[in-house]
Amino acid sequence: MTPSQELRAQMAEQDPEYRRLLAEHGKRVKRLEELGRKGWLTTEEEQEEKRLKKEKLQLKDQMEARLRSRG
């Protein structure tokens, strides 16, 4: 495990807010994977996909900010 991965694992264990962000990020990833397996998307699903991608990126940015403030 790299030092970066170790820090992330440690944060997930010790920081409730980081753990919450990680869980929310995981939910977005799972839903995007579901949408990606579809042969085609409805207009609503395309909008959802765009929204989920933005939210996923925002969550990742928030997690990285917490890592930087910790390290």
PDB file of N, CA and C in Angstrom:
ATOM      1  N   MET A   1       0.858  -1.171   0.000  1.00  0.00           N
ATOM      2  CA  MET A   1       0.000   0.000   0.000  1.00  0.00           C
ATOM      3  C   MET A   1       0.912   1.245   0.000  1.00  0.00           C
ATOM      4  N   THR A   2       0.592   2.187  -0.847  1.00  0.00           N
ATOM      5  CA  THR A   2       1.386   3.415  -0.930  1.00  0.00           C
ATOM      6  C   THR A   2       1.082   4.311   0.275  1.00  0.00           C
ATOM      7  N   PRO A   3       1.977   5.264   0.570  1.00  0.00           N
ATOM      8  CA  PRO A   3       1.690   6.187   1.676  1.00  0.00           C
ATOM      9  C   PRO A   3       0.370   6.940   1.480  1.00  0.00           C
ATOM     10  N   SER A   4       0.060   7.294   0.250  1.00  0.00           N
ATOM     11  CA  SER A   4      -1.195   7.988  -0.040  1.00  0.00           C
ATOM     12  C   SER A   4      -2.395   7.097   0.276  1.00  0.00           C
ATOM     13  N   GLN A   5      -2.305   5.832  -0.113  1.00  0.00           N
ATOM     14  CA  GLN A   5      -3.392   4.896   0.171  1.00  0.00           C
ATOM     15  C   GLN A   5      -3.527   4.659   1.668  1.00  0.00           C
ATOM     16  N   GLU A   6      -2.384   4.609   2.365  1.00  0.00           N
ATOM     17  CA  GLU A   6      -2.419   4.418   3.809  1.00  0.00           C
ATOM     18  C   GLU A   6      -3.098   5.595   4.500  1.00  0.00           C
ATOM     19  N   LEU A   7      -2.782   6.820   4.046  1.00  0.00           N
ATOM     20  CA  LEU A   7      -3.405   8.004   4.628  1.00  0.00           C
ATOM     21  C   LEU A   7      -4.912   7.992   4.389  1.00  0.00           C
ATOM     22  N   ARG A   8      -5.329   7.606   3.190  1.00  0.00           N
ATOM     23  CA  ARG A   8      -6.768   7.541   2.887  1.00  0.00           C
ATOM     24  C   ARG A   8      -7.472   6.518   3.777  1.00  0.00           C
ATOM     25  N   ALA A   9      -6.839   5.358   3.948  1.00  0.00           N
ATOM     26  CA  ALA A   9      -7.425   4.320   4.801  1.00  0.00           C
ATOM     27  C   ALA A   9      -7.505   4.797   6.243  1.00  0.00           C
ATOM     28  N   GLN A  10      -6.471   5.473   6.704  1.00  0.00           N
ATOM     29  CA  GLN A  10      -6.459   6.005   8.061  1.00  0.00           C
ATOM     30  C   GLN A  10      -7.550   7.060   8.243  1.00  0.00           C
ATOM     31  N   MET A  11      -7.688   7.929   7.262  1.00  0.00           N
ATOM     32  CA  MET A  11      -8.730   8.959   7.326  1.00  0.00           C
ATOM     33  C   MET A  11     -10.116   8.318   7.362  1.00  0.00           C
ATOM     34  N   ALA A  12     -10.312   7.271   6.565  1.00  0.00           N
ATOM     35  CA  ALA A  12     -11.614   6.602   6.523  1.00  0.00           C
ATOM     36  C   ALA A  12     -11.957   5.990   7.881  1.00  0.00           C
ATOM     37  N   GLU A  13     -10.936   5.556   8.602  1.00  0.00           N
ATOM     38  CA  GLU A  13     -11.169   4.966   9.917  1.00  0.00           C
ATOM     39  C   GLU A  13     -11.412   6.030  10.984  1.00  0.00           C
ATOM     40  N   GLN A  14     -10.683   7.140  10.908  1.00  0.00           N
ATOM     41  CA  GLN A  14     -10.659   8.090  12.008  1.00  0.00           C
ATOM     42  C   GLN A  14     -11.527   9.330  11.820  1.00  0.00           C
ATOM     43  N   ASP A  15     -11.836   9.681  10.595  1.00  0.00           N
ATOM     44  CA  ASP A  15     -12.539  10.939  10.326  1.00  0.00           C
ATOM     45  C   ASP A  15     -13.954  10.653   9.822  1.00  0.00           C
ATOM     46  N   PRO A  16     -14.960  10.895  10.660  1.00  0.00           N
ATOM     47  CA  PRO A  16     -16.343  10.601  10.248  1.00  0.00           C
ATOM     48  C   PRO A  16     -16.785  11.369   9.001  1.00  0.00           C
ATOM     49  N   GLU A  17     -16.347  12.619   8.866  1.00  0.00           N
ATOM     50  CA  GLU A  17     -16.738  13.412   7.695  1.00  0.00           C
ATOM     51  C   GLU A  17     -16.092  12.849   6.431  1.00  0.00           C
ATOM     52  N   TYR A  18     -14.837  12.452   6.509  1.00  0.00           N
ATOM     53  CA  TYR A  18     -14.171  11.834   5.358  1.00  0.00           C
ATOM     54  C   TYR A  18     -14.881  10.535   4.984  1.00  0.00           C
ATOM     55  N   ARG A  19     -15.238   9.762   5.991  1.00  0.00           N
ATOM     56  CA  ARG A  19     -15.939   8.488   5.760  1.00  0.00           C
ATOM     57  C   ARG A  19     -17.284   8.737   5.075  1.00  0.00           C
ATOM     58  N   ARG A  20     -17.993   9.799   5.503  1.00  0.00           N
ATOM     59  CA  ARG A  20     -19.281  10.137   4.876  1.00  0.00           C
ATOM     60  C   ARG A  20     -19.080  10.539   3.416  1.00  0.00           C
ATOM     61  N   LEU A  21     -18.068  11.378   3.168  1.00  0.00           N
ATOM     62  CA  LEU A  21     -17.775  11.793   1.796  1.00  0.00           C
ATOM     63  C   LEU A  21     -17.423  10.587   0.924  1.00  0.00           C
ATOM     64  N   LEU A  22     -16.635   9.691   1.477  1.00  0.00           N
ATOM     65  CA  LEU A  22     -16.236   8.489   0.744  1.00  0.00           C
ATOM     66  C   LEU A  22     -17.449   7.623   0.393  1.00  0.00           C
ATOM     67  N   ALA A  23     -18.370   7.486   1.337  1.00  0.00           N
ATOM     68  CA  ALA A  23     -19.581   6.693   1.093  1.00  0.00           C
ATOM     69  C   ALA A  23     -20.450   7.342   0.017  1.00  0.00           C
ATOM     70  N   GLU A  24     -20.611   8.660   0.094  1.00  0.00           N
ATOM     71  CA  GLU A  24     -21.405   9.371  -0.916  1.00  0.00           C
ATOM     72  C   GLU A  24     -20.753   9.249  -2.294  1.00  0.00           C
ATOM     73  N   HIS A  25     -19.440   9.366  -2.335  1.00  0.00           N
ATOM     74  CA  HIS A  25     -18.706   9.221  -3.598  1.00  0.00           C
ATOM     75  C   HIS A  25     -18.950   7.824  -4.173  1.00  0.00           C
ATOM     76  N   GLY A  26     -18.879   6.822  -3.308  1.00  0.00           N
ATOM     77  CA  GLY A  26     -19.106   5.443  -3.741  1.00  0.00           C
ATOM     78  C   GLY A  26     -20.500   5.226  -4.309  1.00  0.00           C
ATOM     79  N   LYS A  27     -21.496   5.886  -3.723  1.00  0.00           N
ATOM     80  CA  LYS A  27     -22.866   5.779  -4.239  1.00  0.00           C
ATOM     81  C   LYS A  27     -22.950   6.340  -5.656  1.00  0.00           C
ATOM     82  N   ARG A  28     -22.271   7.476  -5.874  1.00  0.00           N
ATOM     83  CA  ARG A  28     -22.282   8.084  -7.219  1.00  0.00           C
ATOM     84  C   ARG A  28     -21.591   7.165  -8.219  1.00  0.00           C
ATOM     85  N   VAL A  29     -20.471   6.587  -7.820  1.00  0.00           N
ATOM     86  CA  VAL A  29     -19.733   5.678  -8.704  1.00  0.00           C
ATOM     87  C   VAL A  29     -20.611   4.489  -9.078  1.00  0.00           C
ATOM     88  N   LYS A  30     -21.286   3.907  -8.093  1.00  0.00           N
ATOM     89  CA  LYS A  30     -22.140   2.740  -8.334  1.00  0.00           C
ATOM     90  C   LYS A  30     -23.266   3.072  -9.320  1.00  0.00           C
ATOM     91  N   ARG A  31     -23.918   4.207  -9.099  1.00  0.00           N
ATOM     92  CA  ARG A  31     -25.021   4.595  -9.992  1.00  0.00           C
ATOM     93  C   ARG A  31     -24.513   4.890 -11.393  1.00  0.00           C
ATOM     94  N   LEU A  32     -23.351   5.542 -11.505  1.00  0.00           N
ATOM     95  CA  LEU A  32     -22.783   5.810 -12.831  1.00  0.00           C
ATOM     96  C   LEU A  32     -22.439   4.509 -13.545  1.00  0.00           C
ATOM     97  N   GLU A  33     -21.970   3.516 -12.801  1.00  0.00           N
ATOM     98  CA  GLU A  33     -21.693   2.209 -13.402  1.00  0.00           C
ATOM     99  C   GLU A  33     -22.977   1.569 -13.916  1.00  0.00           C
ATOM    100  N   GLU A  34     -24.052   1.698 -13.136  1.00  0.00           N
ATOM    101  CA  GLU A  34     -25.352   1.166 -13.565  1.00  0.00           C
ATOM    102  C   GLU A  34     -25.794   1.829 -14.863  1.00  0.00           C
ATOM    103  N   LEU A  35     -25.684   3.136 -14.905  1.00  0.00           N
ATOM    104  CA  LEU A  35     -26.084   3.858 -16.117  1.00  0.00           C
ATOM    105  C   LEU A  35     -25.178   3.481 -17.294  1.00  0.00           C
ATOM    106  N   GLY A  36     -23.904   3.263 -17.022  1.00  0.00           N
ATOM    107  CA  GLY A  36     -22.957   2.905 -18.076  1.00  0.00           C
ATOM    108  C   GLY A  36     -23.230   1.551 -18.696  1.00  0.00           C
ATOM    109  N   ARG A  37     -23.865   0.669 -17.946  1.00  0.00           N
ATOM    110  CA  ARG A  37     -24.178  -0.664 -18.476  1.00  0.00           C
ATOM    111  C   ARG A  37     -25.405  -0.672 -19.384  1.00  0.00           C
ATOM    112  N   LYS A  38     -26.160   0.417 -19.351  1.00  0.00           N
ATOM    113  CA  LYS A  38     -27.353   0.481 -20.196  1.00  0.00           C
ATOM    114  C   LYS A  38     -26.950   0.693 -21.649  1.00  0.00           C
ATOM    115  N   GLY A  39     -27.722   0.169 -22.545  1.00  0.00           N
ATOM    116  CA  GLY A  39     -27.458   0.344 -23.963  1.00  0.00           C
ATOM    117  C   GLY A  39     -27.694   1.773 -24.431  1.00  0.00           C
ATOM    118  N   TRP A  40     -28.682   2.407 -23.841  1.00  0.00           N
ATOM    119  CA  TRP A  40     -28.997   3.804 -24.176  1.00  0.00           C
ATOM    120  C   TRP A  40     -29.625   4.439 -22.954  1.00  0.00           C
ATOM    121  N   LEU A  41     -29.571   5.757 -22.893  1.00  0.00           N
ATOM    122  CA  LEU A  41     -30.112   6.481 -21.754  1.00  0.00           C
ATOM    123  C   LEU A  41     -31.244   7.390 -22.197  1.00  0.00           C
ATOM    124  N   THR A  42     -32.247   7.492 -21.336  1.00  0.00           N
ATOM    125  CA  THR A  42     -33.308   8.448 -21.591  1.00  0.00           C
ATOM    126  C   THR A  42     -32.742   9.853 -21.344  1.00  0.00           C
ATOM    127  N   THR A  43     -33.488  10.855 -21.722  1.00  0.00           N
ATOM    128  CA  THR A  43     -33.070  12.235 -21.478  1.00  0.00           C
ATOM    129  C   THR A  43     -32.863  12.468 -19.986  1.00  0.00           C
ATOM    130  N   GLU A  44     -33.770  11.938 -19.175  1.00  0.00           N
ATOM    131  CA  GLU A  44     -33.658  12.093 -17.725  1.00  0.00           C
ATOM    132  C   GLU A  44     -32.404  11.403 -17.198  1.00  0.00           C
ATOM    133  N   GLU A  45     -32.117  10.225 -17.725  1.00  0.00           N
ATOM    134  CA  GLU A  45     -30.929   9.501 -17.286  1.00  0.00           C
ATOM    135  C   GLU A  45     -29.645  10.225 -17.720  1.00  0.00           C
ATOM    136  N   GLU A  46     -29.663  10.834 -18.892  1.00  0.00           N
ATOM    137  CA  GLU A  46     -28.503  11.607 -19.336  1.00  0.00           C
ATOM    138  C   GLU A  46     -28.270  12.794 -18.405  1.00  0.00           C
ATOM    139  N   GLN A  47     -29.354  13.457 -17.998  1.00  0.00           N
ATOM    140  CA  GLN A  47     -29.238  14.576 -17.051  1.00  0.00           C
ATOM    141  C   GLN A  47     -28.733  14.084 -15.700  1.00  0.00           C
ATOM    142  N   GLU A  48     -29.243  12.939 -15.271  1.00  0.00           N
ATOM    143  CA  GLU A  48     -28.796  12.352 -14.009  1.00  0.00           C
ATOM    144  C   GLU A  48     -27.307  12.020 -14.074  1.00  0.00           C
ATOM    145  N   GLU A  49     -26.883  11.463 -15.196  1.00  0.00           N
ATOM    146  CA  GLU A  49     -25.476  11.108 -15.362  1.00  0.00           C
ATOM    147  C   GLU A  49     -24.584  12.350 -15.242  1.00  0.00           C
ATOM    148  N   LYS A  50     -24.967  13.433 -15.892  1.00  0.00           N
ATOM    149  CA  LYS A  50     -24.193  14.674 -15.809  1.00  0.00           C
ATOM    150  C   LYS A  50     -24.147  15.200 -14.380  1.00  0.00           C
ATOM    151  N   ARG A  51     -25.291  15.155 -13.703  1.00  0.00           N
ATOM    152  CA  ARG A  51     -25.362  15.624 -12.313  1.00  0.00           C
ATOM    153  C   ARG A  51     -24.479  14.764 -11.407  1.00  0.00           C
ATOM    154  N   LEU A  52     -24.568  13.442 -11.590  1.00  0.00           N
ATOM    155  CA  LEU A  52     -23.778  12.527 -10.765  1.00  0.00           C
ATOM    156  C   LEU A  52     -22.276  12.733 -10.970  1.00  0.00           C
ATOM    157  N   LYS A  53     -21.862  12.974 -12.197  1.00  0.00           N
ATOM    158  CA  LYS A  53     -20.445  13.205 -12.471  1.00  0.00           C
ATOM    159  C   LYS A  53     -19.953  14.465 -11.758  1.00  0.00           C
ATOM    160  N   LYS A  54     -20.760  15.512 -11.787  1.00  0.00           N
ATOM    161  CA  LYS A  54     -20.396  16.751 -11.096  1.00  0.00           C
ATOM    162  C   LYS A  54     -20.322  16.528  -9.587  1.00  0.00           C
ATOM    163  N   GLU A  55     -21.326  15.848  -9.049  1.00  0.00           N
ATOM    164  CA  GLU A  55     -21.357  15.591  -7.611  1.00  0.00           C
ATOM    165  C   GLU A  55     -20.175  14.728  -7.186  1.00  0.00           C
ATOM    166  N   LYS A  56     -19.866  13.715  -7.995  1.00  0.00           N
ATOM    167  CA  LYS A  56     -18.749  12.822  -7.690  1.00  0.00           C
ATOM    168  C   LYS A  56     -17.439  13.606  -7.637  1.00  0.00           C
ATOM    169  N   LEU A  57     -17.245  14.506  -8.584  1.00  0.00           N
ATOM    170  CA  LEU A  57     -16.037  15.324  -8.616  1.00  0.00           C
ATOM    171  C   LEU A  57     -15.979  16.259  -7.411  1.00  0.00           C
ATOM    172  N   GLN A  58     -17.119  16.848  -7.061  1.00  0.00           N
ATOM    173  CA  GLN A  58     -17.151  17.736  -5.889  1.00  0.00           C
ATOM    174  C   GLN A  58     -16.801  16.969  -4.611  1.00  0.00           C
ATOM    175  N   LEU A  59     -17.329  15.765  -4.484  1.00  0.00           N
ATOM    176  CA  LEU A  59     -17.032  14.942  -3.318  1.00  0.00           C
ATOM    177  C   LEU A  59     -15.544  14.578  -3.273  1.00  0.00           C
ATOM    178  N   LYS A  60     -14.991  14.237  -4.426  1.00  0.00           N
ATOM    179  CA  LYS A  60     -13.563  13.908  -4.489  1.00  0.00           C
ATOM    180  C   LYS A  60     -12.726  15.118  -4.088  1.00  0.00           C
ATOM    181  N   ASP A  61     -13.103  16.294  -4.569  1.00  0.00           N
ATOM    182  CA  ASP A  61     -12.385  17.516  -4.207  1.00  0.00           C
ATOM    183  C   ASP A  61     -12.454  17.761  -2.698  1.00  0.00           C
ATOM    184  N   GLN A  62     -13.607  17.523  -2.105  1.00  0.00           N
ATOM    185  CA  GLN A  62     -13.762  17.715  -0.665  1.00  0.00           C
ATOM    186  C   GLN A  62     -12.903  16.718   0.124  1.00  0.00           C
ATOM    187  N   MET A  63     -12.851  15.475  -0.360  1.00  0.00           N
ATOM    188  CA  MET A  63     -12.018  14.469   0.300  1.00  0.00           C
ATOM    189  C   MET A  63     -10.543  14.852   0.201  1.00  0.00           C
ATOM    190  N   GLU A  64     -10.120  15.296  -0.964  1.00  0.00           N
ATOM    191  CA  GLU A  64      -8.727  15.687  -1.155  1.00  0.00           C
ATOM    192  C   GLU A  64      -8.379  16.889  -0.276  1.00  0.00           C
ATOM    193  N   ALA A  65      -9.300  17.822  -0.129  1.00  0.00           N
ATOM    194  CA  ALA A  65      -9.064  18.980   0.727  1.00  0.00           C
ATOM    195  C   ALA A  65      -8.866  18.533   2.182  1.00  0.00           C
ATOM    196  N   ARG A  66      -9.660  17.565   2.624  1.00  0.00           N
ATOM    197  CA  ARG A  66      -9.510  17.055   3.995  1.00  0.00           C
ATOM    198  C   ARG A  66      -8.167  16.358   4.151  1.00  0.00           C
ATOM    199  N   LEU A  67      -7.744  15.628   3.114  1.00  0.00           N
ATOM    200  CA  LEU A  67      -6.438  14.965   3.169  1.00  0.00           C
ATOM    201  C   LEU A  67      -5.307  15.995   3.263  1.00  0.00           C
ATOM    202  N   ARG A  68      -5.410  17.045   2.451  1.00  0.00           N
ATOM    203  CA  ARG A  68      -4.367  18.086   2.470  1.00  0.00           C
ATOM    204  C   ARG A  68      -4.308  18.774   3.825  1.00  0.00           C
ATOM    205  N   SER A  69      -5.462  19.045   4.424  1.00  0.00           N
ATOM    206  CA  SER A  69      -5.472  19.735   5.707  1.00  0.00           C
ATOM    207  C   SER A  69      -4.924  18.835   6.818  1.00  0.00           C
ATOM    208  N   ARG A  70      -5.035  17.548   6.621  1.00  0.00           N
ATOM    209  CA  ARG A  70      -4.545  16.570   7.620  1.00  0.00           C
ATOM    210  C   ARG A  70      -3.045  16.369   7.478  1.00  0.00           C
ATOM    211  N   GLY A  71      -2.581  16.348   6.223  1.00  0.00           N
ATOM    212  CA  GLY A  71      -1.181  16.003   5.960  1.00  0.00           C
ATOM    213  C   GLY A  71      -0.260  17.112   6.007  1.00  0.00           C
TER     214      GLY A  71
END
